[in-house]
C-alpha cells in the first residue's frame, strides 16, 4: 500500500507541507481550487521539489486530489463523505480516550495548552486549533496505529472555516472541550466519551445545515445511543 512520505521536523519539505495544509484547513485555499507547483514555490520562495513532495503527500492523505490532465486541486467532499469522516474520527477518539485515561500530568498539560489556544485564536484558525485538540487525544493513547490511521483522515474536511463560522457553535464546542479536559483531569473515561459524542453530534448537525443534500438518516442521532 502506498503511504505518504514522512518529513523530518526540520526539513524544508515538512515546512512547505505544513504551510499548504494550514491554508487548506483554514479555508484560505477553498475546495476545488487548483494548485500550481510553480506558483506555490514562488510564493513560498522555495524550489518546486519540496512543493511537489508536499502536494503528493497531501493527495495521499486525502486533503488534495489529482487526475490526469487536471493537475492538483483542493478536494471537495460530498456530504456523505463528511459524515463518514465524523464516524471514523469519533470511533478512534473514543478508543483513544479509553486507552489514554488516566493520563500523565504532561499529557494533561498538553491538552490544556491546546484548549488555551482555542480560547484565544482567531476565527480563521479556530478549526485548525480544534483539530490539534482532537489529535492530542489520539496521541495520549500511545497507540501508533491509532495515530497513523488518524493522520490519513482529512481533518480539513471537518474543521474548515465554514464549519465554525457561527459564534454559537464555537461557544458550544468550546464548552464541550472544557468538559473533556475536566474528564481527563478526573480520570473519567466514560464522561470523556460522552462529551466526544456530543462534540461530533454538534458537527453532524452543522454539516446538515451547510450541506442541504445530506439526508438526516445518513447519520441518525441515536446511532450511538445518544
N, C-alpha and C. Protein backbone atom coordinates (compact mmCIF):
# COMPACT_ATOMS: atom_id res chain seq x y z
N UNK A 1 0.85 -1.19 0.00
CA UNK A 1 0.00 0.00 0.00
C UNK A 1 0.88 1.24 0.00
N UNK A 2 0.51 2.24 -0.82
CA UNK A 2 1.28 3.46 -0.90
C UNK A 2 1.02 4.33 0.30
N UNK A 3 2.06 4.85 0.89
CA UNK A 3 1.91 5.73 2.05
C UNK A 3 2.53 7.07 1.77
N UNK A 4 2.09 8.07 2.50
CA UNK A 4 2.62 9.42 2.32
C UNK A 4 4.04 9.51 2.84
N UNK A 5 4.89 10.32 2.19
CA UNK A 5 6.26 10.49 2.65
C UNK A 5 6.28 11.05 4.06
N UNK A 6 7.30 10.67 4.81
CA UNK A 6 7.46 11.19 6.17
C UNK A 6 8.57 12.21 6.16
N UNK A 7 8.27 13.44 6.53
CA UNK A 7 9.26 14.50 6.55
C UNK A 7 9.88 14.62 7.93
N UNK A 8 11.14 14.96 7.98
CA UNK A 8 11.76 15.24 9.27
C UNK A 8 11.28 16.60 9.75
N UNK A 9 11.31 16.80 11.08
CA UNK A 9 10.76 18.03 11.66
C UNK A 9 11.44 19.27 11.12
N UNK A 10 12.71 19.13 10.74
CA UNK A 10 13.46 20.31 10.32
C UNK A 10 13.54 20.45 8.80
N UNK A 11 12.97 19.54 8.06
CA UNK A 11 13.14 19.56 6.61
C UNK A 11 12.33 20.66 5.96
N UNK A 12 12.81 21.14 4.84
CA UNK A 12 12.11 22.16 4.07
C UNK A 12 10.78 21.61 3.59
N UNK A 13 10.77 20.34 3.18
CA UNK A 13 9.54 19.72 2.71
C UNK A 13 8.46 19.73 3.78
N UNK A 14 8.86 19.49 5.02
CA UNK A 14 7.90 19.48 6.13
C UNK A 14 7.31 20.86 6.35
N UNK A 15 8.14 21.89 6.25
CA UNK A 15 7.63 23.25 6.45
C UNK A 15 6.67 23.65 5.34
N UNK A 16 7.00 23.27 4.10
CA UNK A 16 6.12 23.58 2.98
C UNK A 16 4.81 22.81 3.13
N UNK A 17 4.92 21.56 3.53
CA UNK A 17 3.74 20.73 3.78
C UNK A 17 2.80 21.40 4.78
N UNK A 18 3.35 21.88 5.88
CA UNK A 18 2.53 22.49 6.93
C UNK A 18 1.92 23.81 6.46
N UNK A 19 2.65 24.56 5.65
CA UNK A 19 2.11 25.81 5.13
C UNK A 19 0.92 25.55 4.22
N UNK A 20 1.07 24.57 3.33
CA UNK A 20 -0.03 24.24 2.41
C UNK A 20 -1.22 23.70 3.19
N UNK A 21 -0.95 22.79 4.12
CA UNK A 21 -2.02 22.20 4.92
C UNK A 21 -2.78 23.28 5.70
N UNK A 22 -2.05 24.23 6.26
CA UNK A 22 -2.68 25.30 7.03
C UNK A 22 -3.64 26.10 6.16
N UNK A 23 -3.25 26.38 4.94
CA UNK A 23 -4.11 27.18 4.06
C UNK A 23 -5.36 26.40 3.64
N UNK A 24 -5.21 25.10 3.51
CA UNK A 24 -6.36 24.27 3.17
C UNK A 24 -7.31 24.18 4.37
N UNK A 25 -6.75 23.87 5.54
CA UNK A 25 -7.56 23.71 6.75
C UNK A 25 -8.29 25.01 7.10
N UNK A 26 -7.61 26.14 6.96
CA UNK A 26 -8.20 27.41 7.34
C UNK A 26 -9.08 28.03 6.27
N UNK A 27 -9.23 27.32 5.15
CA UNK A 27 -10.13 27.78 4.10
C UNK A 27 -9.58 28.87 3.20
N UNK A 28 -8.30 29.20 3.37
CA UNK A 28 -7.70 30.21 2.50
C UNK A 28 -7.60 29.70 1.07
N UNK A 29 -7.42 28.39 0.94
CA UNK A 29 -7.48 27.73 -0.35
C UNK A 29 -8.72 26.84 -0.34
N UNK A 30 -9.83 27.28 -0.90
CA UNK A 30 -11.11 26.58 -0.77
C UNK A 30 -11.19 25.32 -1.63
N UNK A 31 -12.17 24.45 -1.34
CA UNK A 31 -12.38 23.23 -2.12
C UNK A 31 -12.54 23.56 -3.61
N UNK A 32 -11.86 22.78 -4.43
CA UNK A 32 -11.92 22.98 -5.87
C UNK A 32 -10.83 23.87 -6.43
N UNK A 33 -10.11 24.57 -5.57
CA UNK A 33 -9.05 25.47 -6.05
C UNK A 33 -7.88 24.67 -6.63
N UNK A 34 -7.44 25.05 -7.81
CA UNK A 34 -6.30 24.39 -8.46
C UNK A 34 -5.00 24.94 -7.87
N UNK A 35 -4.07 24.04 -7.61
CA UNK A 35 -2.78 24.41 -7.02
C UNK A 35 -1.67 24.14 -8.02
N UNK A 36 -0.88 25.16 -8.32
CA UNK A 36 0.21 25.03 -9.28
C UNK A 36 1.55 25.08 -8.56
N UNK A 37 2.38 24.08 -8.82
CA UNK A 37 3.67 23.98 -8.14
C UNK A 37 4.49 25.25 -8.29
N UNK A 38 4.58 25.77 -9.51
CA UNK A 38 5.43 26.93 -9.77
C UNK A 38 4.96 28.15 -8.98
N UNK A 39 3.66 28.34 -8.93
CA UNK A 39 3.09 29.50 -8.23
C UNK A 39 3.36 29.39 -6.73
N UNK A 40 3.13 28.18 -6.18
CA UNK A 40 3.35 27.98 -4.74
C UNK A 40 4.83 28.14 -4.40
N UNK A 41 5.69 27.57 -5.23
CA UNK A 41 7.13 27.66 -5.00
C UNK A 41 7.59 29.12 -4.97
N UNK A 42 7.06 29.91 -5.88
CA UNK A 42 7.42 31.32 -5.94
C UNK A 42 6.92 32.06 -4.70
N UNK A 43 5.69 31.77 -4.29
CA UNK A 43 5.12 32.44 -3.13
C UNK A 43 5.89 32.10 -1.85
N UNK A 44 6.29 30.82 -1.71
CA UNK A 44 7.00 30.39 -0.51
C UNK A 44 8.51 30.57 -0.61
N UNK A 45 8.96 31.03 -1.79
CA UNK A 45 10.38 31.27 -2.03
C UNK A 45 11.21 30.00 -1.83
N UNK A 46 10.76 28.91 -2.47
CA UNK A 46 11.47 27.63 -2.44
C UNK A 46 11.49 27.06 -3.84
N UNK A 47 12.25 25.98 -4.02
CA UNK A 47 12.24 25.30 -5.31
C UNK A 47 10.95 24.49 -5.45
N UNK A 48 10.71 23.94 -6.63
CA UNK A 48 9.48 23.18 -6.85
C UNK A 48 9.55 21.79 -6.22
N UNK A 49 10.74 21.28 -5.93
CA UNK A 49 10.88 19.92 -5.40
C UNK A 49 10.14 19.71 -4.08
N UNK A 50 10.37 20.55 -3.05
CA UNK A 50 9.62 20.34 -1.79
C UNK A 50 8.13 20.57 -1.94
N UNK A 51 7.74 21.46 -2.86
CA UNK A 51 6.31 21.69 -3.11
C UNK A 51 5.70 20.43 -3.72
N UNK A 52 6.41 19.83 -4.65
CA UNK A 52 5.93 18.60 -5.29
C UNK A 52 5.76 17.49 -4.25
N UNK A 53 6.73 17.35 -3.35
CA UNK A 53 6.65 16.34 -2.30
C UNK A 53 5.46 16.58 -1.38
N UNK A 54 5.27 17.84 -1.00
CA UNK A 54 4.18 18.18 -0.09
C UNK A 54 2.83 17.93 -0.73
N UNK A 55 2.68 18.33 -1.98
CA UNK A 55 1.41 18.12 -2.68
C UNK A 55 1.11 16.63 -2.81
N UNK A 56 2.14 15.85 -3.11
CA UNK A 56 1.97 14.40 -3.24
C UNK A 56 1.51 13.80 -1.92
N UNK A 57 2.13 14.23 -0.83
CA UNK A 57 1.76 13.71 0.49
C UNK A 57 0.32 14.07 0.84
N UNK A 58 -0.09 15.28 0.49
CA UNK A 58 -1.45 15.72 0.82
C UNK A 58 -2.50 15.07 -0.07
N UNK A 59 -2.10 14.69 -1.26
CA UNK A 59 -3.01 13.89 -2.12
C UNK A 59 -3.22 12.52 -1.50
N UNK A 60 -2.14 11.90 -1.04
CA UNK A 60 -2.23 10.57 -0.43
C UNK A 60 -3.05 10.61 0.85
N UNK A 61 -2.99 11.71 1.58
CA UNK A 61 -3.75 11.84 2.82
C UNK A 61 -5.20 12.24 2.58
N UNK A 62 -5.53 12.60 1.35
CA UNK A 62 -6.92 12.90 1.04
C UNK A 62 -7.31 14.35 1.16
N UNK A 63 -6.36 15.23 1.45
CA UNK A 63 -6.67 16.65 1.53
C UNK A 63 -6.80 17.27 0.14
N UNK A 64 -5.99 16.76 -0.79
CA UNK A 64 -6.00 17.23 -2.17
C UNK A 64 -6.35 16.07 -3.08
N UNK A 65 -6.64 16.38 -4.34
CA UNK A 65 -6.91 15.33 -5.31
C UNK A 65 -6.25 15.70 -6.63
N UNK A 66 -5.92 14.69 -7.41
CA UNK A 66 -5.29 14.93 -8.70
C UNK A 66 -5.85 13.95 -9.72
N UNK A 67 -5.77 14.36 -10.97
CA UNK A 67 -6.24 13.49 -12.05
C UNK A 67 -5.46 13.77 -13.31
N UNK A 68 -5.55 12.86 -14.24
CA UNK A 68 -4.82 13.01 -15.49
C UNK A 68 -5.25 14.29 -16.20
N UNK A 69 -4.27 15.12 -16.53
CA UNK A 69 -4.50 16.38 -17.24
C UNK A 69 -5.37 17.37 -16.44
N UNK A 70 -5.50 17.15 -15.13
CA UNK A 70 -6.31 18.04 -14.31
C UNK A 70 -5.49 18.74 -13.23
N UNK A 71 -4.25 18.32 -13.04
CA UNK A 71 -3.42 18.92 -12.02
C UNK A 71 -3.88 18.55 -10.62
N UNK A 72 -3.49 19.38 -9.66
CA UNK A 72 -3.84 19.13 -8.25
C UNK A 72 -4.79 20.22 -7.79
N UNK A 73 -5.78 19.85 -7.04
CA UNK A 73 -6.74 20.82 -6.50
C UNK A 73 -7.17 20.41 -5.11
N UNK A 74 -7.69 21.36 -4.36
CA UNK A 74 -8.19 21.08 -3.01
C UNK A 74 -9.43 20.21 -3.14
N UNK A 75 -9.46 19.12 -2.39
CA UNK A 75 -10.55 18.16 -2.51
C UNK A 75 -11.85 18.74 -1.98
N UNK A 76 -12.92 18.51 -2.72
CA UNK A 76 -14.26 18.89 -2.28
C UNK A 76 -14.99 17.62 -1.88
N UNK A 77 -15.43 17.56 -0.63
CA UNK A 77 -16.04 16.35 -0.11
C UNK A 77 -17.55 16.39 -0.26
N UNK A 78 -18.12 15.23 -0.60
CA UNK A 78 -19.57 15.09 -0.62
C UNK A 78 -20.06 15.02 0.82
N UNK A 79 -21.32 15.35 1.02
CA UNK A 79 -21.89 15.35 2.37
C UNK A 79 -21.80 13.98 3.03
N UNK A 80 -22.00 12.92 2.25
CA UNK A 80 -21.93 11.58 2.82
C UNK A 80 -20.51 11.26 3.27
N UNK A 81 -19.51 11.77 2.55
CA UNK A 81 -18.11 11.55 2.93
C UNK A 81 -17.81 12.26 4.25
N UNK A 82 -18.34 13.46 4.40
CA UNK A 82 -18.12 14.21 5.65
C UNK A 82 -18.67 13.44 6.84
N UNK A 83 -19.83 12.86 6.69
CA UNK A 83 -20.44 12.12 7.79
C UNK A 83 -19.66 10.85 8.09
N UNK A 84 -19.13 10.21 7.06
CA UNK A 84 -18.31 9.02 7.28
C UNK A 84 -17.00 9.38 7.99
N UNK A 85 -16.44 10.54 7.66
CA UNK A 85 -15.23 11.00 8.34
C UNK A 85 -15.51 11.22 9.82
N UNK A 86 -16.64 11.85 10.12
CA UNK A 86 -17.02 12.06 11.51
C UNK A 86 -17.13 10.73 12.24
N UNK A 87 -17.77 9.77 11.61
CA UNK A 87 -17.96 8.46 12.23
C UNK A 87 -16.63 7.81 12.58
N UNK A 88 -15.69 7.85 11.64
CA UNK A 88 -14.39 7.22 11.85
C UNK A 88 -13.59 7.96 12.92
N UNK A 89 -13.59 9.28 12.87
CA UNK A 89 -12.84 10.05 13.86
C UNK A 89 -13.38 9.81 15.26
N UNK A 90 -14.70 9.78 15.40
CA UNK A 90 -15.29 9.56 16.71
C UNK A 90 -14.92 8.18 17.26
N UNK A 91 -14.98 7.17 16.40
CA UNK A 91 -14.64 5.81 16.85
C UNK A 91 -13.20 5.75 17.34
N UNK A 92 -12.30 6.41 16.62
CA UNK A 92 -10.89 6.42 17.02
C UNK A 92 -10.70 7.18 18.34
N UNK A 93 -11.35 8.32 18.46
CA UNK A 93 -11.17 9.12 19.67
C UNK A 93 -11.74 8.45 20.92
N UNK A 94 -12.87 7.79 20.77
CA UNK A 94 -13.43 7.09 21.93
C UNK A 94 -12.50 5.97 22.38
N UNK A 95 -11.94 5.24 21.40
CA UNK A 95 -11.00 4.19 21.75
C UNK A 95 -9.74 4.78 22.37
N UNK A 96 -9.29 5.92 21.84
CA UNK A 96 -8.09 6.58 22.37
C UNK A 96 -8.32 7.06 23.79
N UNK A 97 -9.53 7.58 24.07
CA UNK A 97 -9.83 8.06 25.42
C UNK A 97 -9.81 6.91 26.42
N UNK A 98 -10.31 5.76 26.02
CA UNK A 98 -10.31 4.60 26.92
C UNK A 98 -8.88 4.17 27.25
N UNK A 99 -7.99 4.29 26.26
CA UNK A 99 -6.60 3.89 26.47
C UNK A 99 -5.79 4.99 27.16
N UNK A 100 -6.17 6.25 26.95
CA UNK A 100 -5.37 7.37 27.44
C UNK A 100 -5.73 7.86 28.82
N UNK A 101 -6.79 7.31 29.40
CA UNK A 101 -7.21 7.71 30.76
C UNK A 101 -7.01 6.53 31.70
N UNK A 102 -6.32 6.75 32.84
CA UNK A 102 -5.75 8.02 33.32
C UNK A 102 -4.53 8.44 32.51
N UNK A 103 -4.27 9.74 32.50
CA UNK A 103 -3.16 10.27 31.71
C UNK A 103 -2.10 10.86 32.63
N UNK A 104 -0.95 11.17 32.05
CA UNK A 104 0.14 11.77 32.81
C UNK A 104 -0.11 13.27 32.97
N UNK A 105 0.58 13.88 33.90
CA UNK A 105 0.47 15.33 34.08
C UNK A 105 0.93 16.07 32.83
N UNK A 106 1.96 15.52 32.19
CA UNK A 106 2.47 16.14 30.98
C UNK A 106 1.42 16.13 29.87
N UNK A 107 0.74 14.99 29.72
CA UNK A 107 -0.30 14.90 28.70
C UNK A 107 -1.45 15.86 29.00
N UNK A 108 -1.82 15.93 30.26
CA UNK A 108 -2.91 16.81 30.64
C UNK A 108 -2.54 18.27 30.39
N UNK A 109 -1.28 18.60 30.63
CA UNK A 109 -0.81 19.96 30.37
C UNK A 109 -0.87 20.27 28.87
N UNK A 110 -0.49 19.30 28.04
CA UNK A 110 -0.54 19.49 26.59
C UNK A 110 -1.98 19.70 26.12
N UNK A 111 -2.90 18.92 26.68
CA UNK A 111 -4.30 19.05 26.30
C UNK A 111 -4.83 20.42 26.74
N UNK A 112 -4.42 20.85 27.94
CA UNK A 112 -4.81 22.17 28.42
C UNK A 112 -4.26 23.29 27.55
N UNK A 113 -3.04 23.12 27.06
CA UNK A 113 -2.44 24.11 26.16
C UNK A 113 -3.24 24.21 24.86
N UNK A 114 -3.67 23.06 24.35
CA UNK A 114 -4.49 23.05 23.13
C UNK A 114 -5.78 23.83 23.37
N UNK A 115 -6.38 23.61 24.52
CA UNK A 115 -7.62 24.31 24.86
C UNK A 115 -7.39 25.82 24.95
N UNK A 116 -6.28 26.21 25.56
CA UNK A 116 -5.97 27.64 25.70
C UNK A 116 -5.81 28.29 24.32
N UNK A 117 -5.17 27.60 23.39
CA UNK A 117 -5.00 28.16 22.04
C UNK A 117 -6.36 28.36 21.37
N UNK A 118 -7.27 27.43 21.60
CA UNK A 118 -8.60 27.55 21.00
C UNK A 118 -9.32 28.77 21.57
N UNK A 119 -9.18 28.99 22.87
CA UNK A 119 -9.84 30.12 23.53
C UNK A 119 -9.36 31.46 22.98
N UNK A 120 -8.11 31.52 22.58
CA UNK A 120 -7.51 32.81 22.22
C UNK A 120 -7.29 32.97 20.71
N UNK A 121 -7.73 32.02 19.93
CA UNK A 121 -7.43 32.04 18.50
C UNK A 121 -8.38 32.92 17.71
N UNK A 122 -7.99 33.23 16.48
CA UNK A 122 -8.85 33.94 15.54
C UNK A 122 -9.87 32.96 14.95
N UNK A 123 -10.95 33.51 14.43
CA UNK A 123 -11.99 32.66 13.83
C UNK A 123 -11.40 31.79 12.72
N UNK A 124 -10.53 32.37 11.91
CA UNK A 124 -9.98 31.63 10.78
C UNK A 124 -9.08 30.48 11.20
N UNK A 125 -8.58 30.52 12.43
CA UNK A 125 -7.70 29.46 12.92
C UNK A 125 -8.40 28.51 13.90
N UNK A 126 -9.66 28.80 14.21
CA UNK A 126 -10.37 28.02 15.22
C UNK A 126 -10.42 26.54 14.86
N UNK A 127 -10.80 26.24 13.61
CA UNK A 127 -10.91 24.85 13.20
C UNK A 127 -9.61 24.09 13.28
N UNK A 128 -8.52 24.73 12.85
CA UNK A 128 -7.22 24.07 12.91
C UNK A 128 -6.79 23.80 14.34
N UNK A 129 -7.07 24.73 15.25
CA UNK A 129 -6.70 24.53 16.66
C UNK A 129 -7.57 23.46 17.30
N UNK A 130 -8.84 23.39 16.91
CA UNK A 130 -9.72 22.32 17.40
C UNK A 130 -9.21 20.97 16.92
N UNK A 131 -8.77 20.91 15.66
CA UNK A 131 -8.23 19.67 15.12
C UNK A 131 -7.01 19.23 15.93
N UNK A 132 -6.16 20.18 16.33
CA UNK A 132 -4.99 19.87 17.15
C UNK A 132 -5.41 19.26 18.50
N UNK A 133 -6.49 19.80 19.08
CA UNK A 133 -7.00 19.27 20.35
C UNK A 133 -7.40 17.80 20.19
N UNK A 134 -8.14 17.50 19.14
CA UNK A 134 -8.58 16.13 18.92
C UNK A 134 -7.40 15.20 18.63
N UNK A 135 -6.41 15.73 17.92
CA UNK A 135 -5.22 14.93 17.64
C UNK A 135 -4.46 14.61 18.92
N UNK A 136 -4.44 15.56 19.85
CA UNK A 136 -3.76 15.32 21.13
C UNK A 136 -4.41 14.16 21.87
N UNK A 137 -5.72 14.02 21.78
CA UNK A 137 -6.40 12.89 22.41
C UNK A 137 -5.90 11.58 21.82
N UNK A 138 -5.70 11.57 20.51
CA UNK A 138 -5.17 10.36 19.86
C UNK A 138 -3.75 10.09 20.33
N UNK A 139 -2.92 11.11 20.40
CA UNK A 139 -1.54 10.95 20.83
C UNK A 139 -1.45 10.42 22.25
N UNK A 140 -2.35 10.86 23.11
CA UNK A 140 -2.32 10.46 24.51
C UNK A 140 -2.65 8.98 24.70
N UNK A 141 -3.17 8.33 23.68
CA UNK A 141 -3.46 6.90 23.78
C UNK A 141 -2.19 6.06 23.69
N UNK A 142 -1.11 6.66 23.16
CA UNK A 142 0.16 5.95 22.97
C UNK A 142 0.02 4.77 22.01
N UNK A 143 -0.98 4.82 21.15
CA UNK A 143 -1.22 3.75 20.18
C UNK A 143 -0.83 4.27 18.79
N UNK A 144 0.25 3.77 18.25
CA UNK A 144 0.76 4.26 16.98
C UNK A 144 -0.16 3.96 15.81
N UNK A 145 -0.89 2.85 15.87
CA UNK A 145 -1.83 2.53 14.80
C UNK A 145 -2.98 3.53 14.79
N UNK A 146 -3.43 3.92 15.97
CA UNK A 146 -4.46 4.96 16.04
C UNK A 146 -3.96 6.23 15.36
N UNK A 147 -2.72 6.62 15.72
CA UNK A 147 -2.17 7.87 15.20
C UNK A 147 -1.96 7.81 13.69
N UNK A 148 -1.45 6.68 13.21
CA UNK A 148 -1.23 6.54 11.77
C UNK A 148 -2.55 6.59 11.00
N UNK A 149 -3.57 5.96 11.55
CA UNK A 149 -4.88 5.99 10.91
C UNK A 149 -5.43 7.41 10.92
N UNK A 150 -5.29 8.08 12.06
CA UNK A 150 -5.77 9.45 12.22
C UNK A 150 -5.13 10.38 11.19
N UNK A 151 -3.82 10.21 10.98
CA UNK A 151 -3.10 11.10 10.07
C UNK A 151 -3.57 10.96 8.62
N UNK A 152 -4.23 9.85 8.32
CA UNK A 152 -4.72 9.64 6.95
C UNK A 152 -6.14 10.17 6.76
N UNK A 153 -6.76 10.64 7.84
CA UNK A 153 -8.12 11.17 7.74
C UNK A 153 -8.04 12.68 7.49
N UNK A 154 -8.65 13.18 6.43
CA UNK A 154 -8.56 14.62 6.11
C UNK A 154 -9.33 15.50 7.08
N UNK A 155 -8.63 16.02 8.08
CA UNK A 155 -9.27 16.85 9.08
C UNK A 155 -9.82 18.15 8.53
N UNK A 156 -9.22 18.64 7.42
CA UNK A 156 -9.69 19.91 6.87
C UNK A 156 -11.13 19.83 6.43
N UNK A 157 -11.57 18.61 6.06
CA UNK A 157 -12.96 18.45 5.62
C UNK A 157 -13.93 18.70 6.77
N UNK A 158 -13.49 18.41 7.98
CA UNK A 158 -14.34 18.53 9.16
C UNK A 158 -14.19 19.89 9.83
N UNK A 159 -12.96 20.40 9.88
CA UNK A 159 -12.70 21.59 10.69
C UNK A 159 -12.34 22.82 9.86
N UNK A 160 -12.92 22.93 8.68
CA UNK A 160 -12.70 24.11 7.86
C UNK A 160 -13.37 25.34 8.45
N UNK A 161 -13.05 26.51 7.88
CA UNK A 161 -13.58 27.77 8.39
C UNK A 161 -15.10 27.79 8.39
N UNK A 162 -15.71 27.26 7.33
CA UNK A 162 -17.16 27.31 7.21
C UNK A 162 -17.85 26.56 8.34
N UNK A 163 -17.22 25.49 8.82
CA UNK A 163 -17.82 24.70 9.89
C UNK A 163 -18.07 25.53 11.13
N UNK A 164 -17.10 26.35 11.51
CA UNK A 164 -17.19 27.10 12.77
C UNK A 164 -17.45 28.59 12.55
N UNK A 165 -18.08 28.92 11.45
CA UNK A 165 -18.32 30.33 11.15
C UNK A 165 -19.27 30.97 12.18
N UNK A 166 -20.22 30.19 12.68
CA UNK A 166 -21.20 30.72 13.62
C UNK A 166 -20.64 30.76 15.05
N UNK A 167 -20.80 31.91 15.70
CA UNK A 167 -20.30 32.08 17.06
C UNK A 167 -20.94 31.09 18.03
N UNK A 168 -22.23 30.83 17.85
CA UNK A 168 -22.94 29.94 18.77
C UNK A 168 -22.33 28.54 18.78
N UNK A 169 -21.91 28.06 17.61
CA UNK A 169 -21.28 26.74 17.55
C UNK A 169 -19.91 26.76 18.20
N UNK A 170 -19.14 27.81 17.95
CA UNK A 170 -17.81 27.91 18.57
C UNK A 170 -17.94 27.92 20.09
N UNK A 171 -18.92 28.67 20.60
CA UNK A 171 -19.13 28.75 22.04
C UNK A 171 -19.53 27.39 22.61
N UNK A 172 -20.46 26.70 21.94
CA UNK A 172 -20.92 25.40 22.42
C UNK A 172 -19.80 24.37 22.35
N UNK A 173 -19.01 24.43 21.29
CA UNK A 173 -17.93 23.46 21.12
C UNK A 173 -16.84 23.68 22.17
N UNK A 174 -16.54 24.93 22.45
CA UNK A 174 -15.54 25.23 23.46
C UNK A 174 -15.98 24.72 24.83
N UNK A 175 -17.26 24.86 25.14
CA UNK A 175 -17.79 24.33 26.40
C UNK A 175 -17.58 22.82 26.50
N UNK A 176 -17.81 22.13 25.40
CA UNK A 176 -17.63 20.68 25.39
C UNK A 176 -16.17 20.30 25.60
N UNK A 177 -15.28 21.02 24.92
CA UNK A 177 -13.84 20.72 25.06
C UNK A 177 -13.35 20.98 26.47
N UNK A 178 -13.87 22.01 27.11
CA UNK A 178 -13.52 22.26 28.52
C UNK A 178 -13.95 21.06 29.37
N UNK A 179 -15.13 20.52 29.08
CA UNK A 179 -15.60 19.35 29.81
C UNK A 179 -14.72 18.14 29.60
N UNK A 180 -14.21 17.99 28.38
CA UNK A 180 -13.33 16.86 28.07
C UNK A 180 -12.04 16.96 28.88
N UNK A 181 -11.47 18.16 28.95
CA UNK A 181 -10.26 18.36 29.76
C UNK A 181 -10.54 18.00 31.22
N UNK A 182 -11.67 18.43 31.73
CA UNK A 182 -12.05 18.10 33.12
C UNK A 182 -12.20 16.60 33.31
N UNK A 183 -12.78 15.92 32.32
CA UNK A 183 -12.95 14.47 32.42
C UNK A 183 -11.59 13.77 32.46
N UNK A 184 -10.62 14.26 31.67
CA UNK A 184 -9.28 13.69 31.71
C UNK A 184 -8.63 13.97 33.07
N UNK A 185 -8.84 15.16 33.58
CA UNK A 185 -8.27 15.52 34.87
C UNK A 185 -8.81 14.62 35.98
N UNK A 186 -10.09 14.25 35.86
CA UNK A 186 -10.74 13.41 36.87
C UNK A 186 -10.66 11.92 36.54
N UNK A 187 -9.93 11.60 35.46
CA UNK A 187 -9.75 10.20 35.03
C UNK A 187 -11.10 9.51 34.79
N UNK A 188 -12.02 10.24 34.17
CA UNK A 188 -13.37 9.72 33.91
C UNK A 188 -13.52 9.44 32.41
N UNK A 189 -13.16 8.24 31.99
CA UNK A 189 -13.19 7.88 30.58
C UNK A 189 -14.62 7.86 30.04
N UNK A 190 -15.57 7.45 30.87
CA UNK A 190 -16.96 7.40 30.44
C UNK A 190 -17.47 8.79 30.10
N UNK A 191 -17.18 9.76 30.96
CA UNK A 191 -17.60 11.13 30.72
C UNK A 191 -16.91 11.71 29.49
N UNK A 192 -15.63 11.42 29.32
CA UNK A 192 -14.91 11.91 28.15
C UNK A 192 -15.54 11.39 26.87
N UNK A 193 -15.92 10.11 26.87
CA UNK A 193 -16.55 9.50 25.71
C UNK A 193 -17.90 10.15 25.42
N UNK A 194 -18.67 10.41 26.45
CA UNK A 194 -19.97 11.07 26.28
C UNK A 194 -19.82 12.45 25.65
N UNK A 195 -18.82 13.19 26.10
CA UNK A 195 -18.59 14.54 25.59
C UNK A 195 -18.07 14.51 24.15
N UNK A 196 -17.27 13.52 23.83
CA UNK A 196 -16.80 13.37 22.45
C UNK A 196 -17.99 13.12 21.52
N UNK A 197 -18.92 12.29 21.95
CA UNK A 197 -20.11 12.03 21.13
C UNK A 197 -20.93 13.31 20.96
N UNK A 198 -20.99 14.10 22.04
CA UNK A 198 -21.73 15.37 21.96
C UNK A 198 -21.05 16.33 20.98
N UNK A 199 -19.72 16.37 21.02
CA UNK A 199 -18.98 17.25 20.11
C UNK A 199 -19.23 16.87 18.66
N UNK A 200 -19.15 15.59 18.36
CA UNK A 200 -19.34 15.17 16.98
C UNK A 200 -20.79 15.28 16.54
N UNK A 201 -21.72 15.20 17.47
CA UNK A 201 -23.12 15.43 17.13
C UNK A 201 -23.33 16.89 16.72
N UNK A 202 -22.62 17.80 17.38
CA UNK A 202 -22.68 19.22 17.01
C UNK A 202 -22.19 19.41 15.57
N UNK A 203 -21.10 18.72 15.23
CA UNK A 203 -20.55 18.83 13.88
C UNK A 203 -21.51 18.24 12.85
N UNK A 204 -22.11 17.11 13.19
CA UNK A 204 -23.05 16.46 12.28
C UNK A 204 -24.22 17.39 11.97
N UNK A 205 -24.75 18.04 13.00
CA UNK A 205 -25.87 18.96 12.77
C UNK A 205 -25.43 20.15 11.92
N UNK A 206 -24.21 20.59 12.11
CA UNK A 206 -23.70 21.71 11.32
C UNK A 206 -23.58 21.32 9.85
N UNK A 207 -23.11 20.11 9.58
CA UNK A 207 -22.97 19.66 8.20
C UNK A 207 -24.32 19.54 7.50
N UNK A 208 -25.32 19.13 8.25
CA UNK A 208 -26.66 19.07 7.68
C UNK A 208 -27.13 20.47 7.28
N UNK A 209 -26.74 21.48 8.06
CA UNK A 209 -27.12 22.86 7.76
C UNK A 209 -26.43 23.39 6.51
N UNK A 210 -25.13 23.12 6.39
CA UNK A 210 -24.37 23.71 5.29
C UNK A 210 -24.33 22.82 4.06
N UNK A 211 -24.86 21.61 4.16
CA UNK A 211 -24.94 20.70 3.02
C UNK A 211 -26.37 20.15 2.94
N UNK A 212 -27.30 20.92 2.38
CA UNK A 212 -28.71 20.55 2.36
C UNK A 212 -29.00 19.20 1.74
N UNK A 213 -28.10 18.71 0.88
CA UNK A 213 -28.36 17.43 0.23
C UNK A 213 -28.16 16.27 1.18
N UNK A 214 -27.55 16.53 2.34
CA UNK A 214 -27.32 15.47 3.31
C UNK A 214 -28.65 15.02 3.90
N UNK A 215 -28.94 13.75 3.80
CA UNK A 215 -30.17 13.23 4.38
C UNK A 215 -29.92 12.90 5.83
N UNK A 216 -30.76 13.36 6.76
CA UNK A 216 -30.55 13.12 8.19
C UNK A 216 -30.37 11.65 8.54
N UNK A 217 -31.03 10.76 7.79
CA UNK A 217 -30.94 9.34 8.11
C UNK A 217 -29.55 8.77 7.86
N UNK A 218 -28.70 9.55 7.15
CA UNK A 218 -27.35 9.06 6.87
C UNK A 218 -26.52 8.98 8.14
N UNK A 219 -26.93 9.73 9.16
CA UNK A 219 -26.18 9.75 10.42
C UNK A 219 -27.18 10.01 11.53
N UNK A 220 -28.06 9.03 11.82
CA UNK A 220 -29.14 9.24 12.78
C UNK A 220 -28.62 9.63 14.15
N UNK A 221 -29.41 10.47 14.85
CA UNK A 221 -28.99 10.99 16.15
C UNK A 221 -28.78 9.90 17.17
N UNK A 222 -29.52 8.78 17.04
CA UNK A 222 -29.41 7.72 18.04
C UNK A 222 -28.46 6.62 17.60
N UNK A 223 -27.61 6.92 16.61
CA UNK A 223 -26.73 5.90 16.07
C UNK A 223 -25.82 5.31 17.13
N UNK A 224 -25.40 6.18 18.08
CA UNK A 224 -24.52 5.72 19.15
C UNK A 224 -25.24 5.76 20.49
N UNK A 225 -26.55 5.72 20.39
CA UNK A 225 -27.30 5.64 21.61
C UNK A 225 -27.50 6.96 22.30
N UNK A 226 -27.27 8.09 21.59
CA UNK A 226 -27.41 9.39 22.23
C UNK A 226 -27.95 10.42 21.28
